[in-house]
Amino acid sequence: MTPGTRTAVPDGPGAAAADDIVRAELDTACCERWWTSCGTDHDSACPRRVPRSSAA
């Protein structure tokens, strides 16, 4: 192991808190395109998609 790196410990201290955080983030996650576009675009069927008007 390289000095300064960490190893994941599934049952280590804070594991339950980390699981809760990840679960909460996934529960509020958006569509696949949102994730892969770094939050700049949504799938056309995504309920969180806000249509943009072309009118200026």
Protein backbone atom coordinates (compact mmCIF):
# COMPACT_ATOMS: atom_id res chain seq x y z
CA MET A 1 0.00 0.00 0.00
CA THR A 2 1.23 3.49 -0.85
CA PRO A 3 1.82 5.80 2.13
CA GLY A 4 -1.07 8.22 2.61
CA THR A 5 -3.70 6.03 0.95
CA ARG A 6 -6.74 4.73 2.75
CA THR A 7 -8.38 1.35 2.59
CA ALA A 8 -12.16 1.02 2.68
CA VAL A 9 -13.35 -0.86 5.73
CA PRO A 10 -16.99 -1.94 5.32
CA ASP A 11 -17.56 -2.42 9.04
CA GLY A 12 -15.17 0.23 10.32
CA PRO A 13 -16.02 3.34 12.32
CA GLY A 14 -18.32 5.65 10.41
CA ALA A 15 -19.45 2.95 7.95
CA ALA A 16 -23.10 3.31 8.93
CA ALA A 17 -22.94 7.10 8.60
CA ALA A 18 -21.26 6.79 5.20
CA ASP A 19 -23.95 4.34 4.07
CA ASP A 20 -26.66 6.77 5.19
CA ILE A 21 -25.04 9.63 3.29
CA VAL A 22 -24.68 7.60 0.10
CA ARG A 23 -28.22 6.29 0.37
CA ALA A 24 -29.60 9.82 0.81
CA GLU A 25 -27.65 11.08 -2.20
CA LEU A 26 -28.86 8.20 -4.36
CA ASP A 27 -32.45 8.75 -3.23
CA THR A 28 -32.28 12.34 -4.49
CA ALA A 29 -30.32 11.43 -7.62
CA CYS A 30 -31.56 12.57 -10.96
CA CYS A 31 -31.56 10.83 -14.34
CA GLU A 32 -28.58 9.07 -15.92
CA ARG A 33 -27.89 11.88 -18.38
CA TRP A 34 -27.77 14.39 -15.51
CA TRP A 35 -25.04 12.36 -13.81
CA THR A 36 -23.01 11.80 -16.98
CA SER A 37 -23.29 15.43 -18.12
CA CYS A 38 -22.05 16.81 -14.79
CA GLY A 39 -25.49 18.21 -14.01
CA THR A 40 -25.94 20.20 -17.23
CA ASP A 41 -28.57 18.12 -19.08
CA HIS A 42 -31.52 15.81 -18.32
CA ASP A 43 -33.17 12.88 -20.08
CA SER A 44 -36.26 14.01 -22.01
CA ALA A 45 -38.49 11.95 -19.68
CA CYS A 46 -36.83 13.17 -16.47
CA PRO A 47 -39.39 14.69 -14.08
CA ARG A 48 -36.80 17.28 -12.98
CA ARG A 49 -36.15 18.49 -16.51
CA VAL A 50 -37.10 22.14 -17.01
CA PRO A 51 -37.78 22.95 -20.66
CA ARG A 52 -35.77 25.92 -21.84
CA SER A 53 -37.46 28.59 -23.90
CA SER A 54 -35.78 29.72 -27.08
CA ALA A 55 -37.34 33.18 -26.69
CA ALA A 56 -34.92 35.79 -25.49
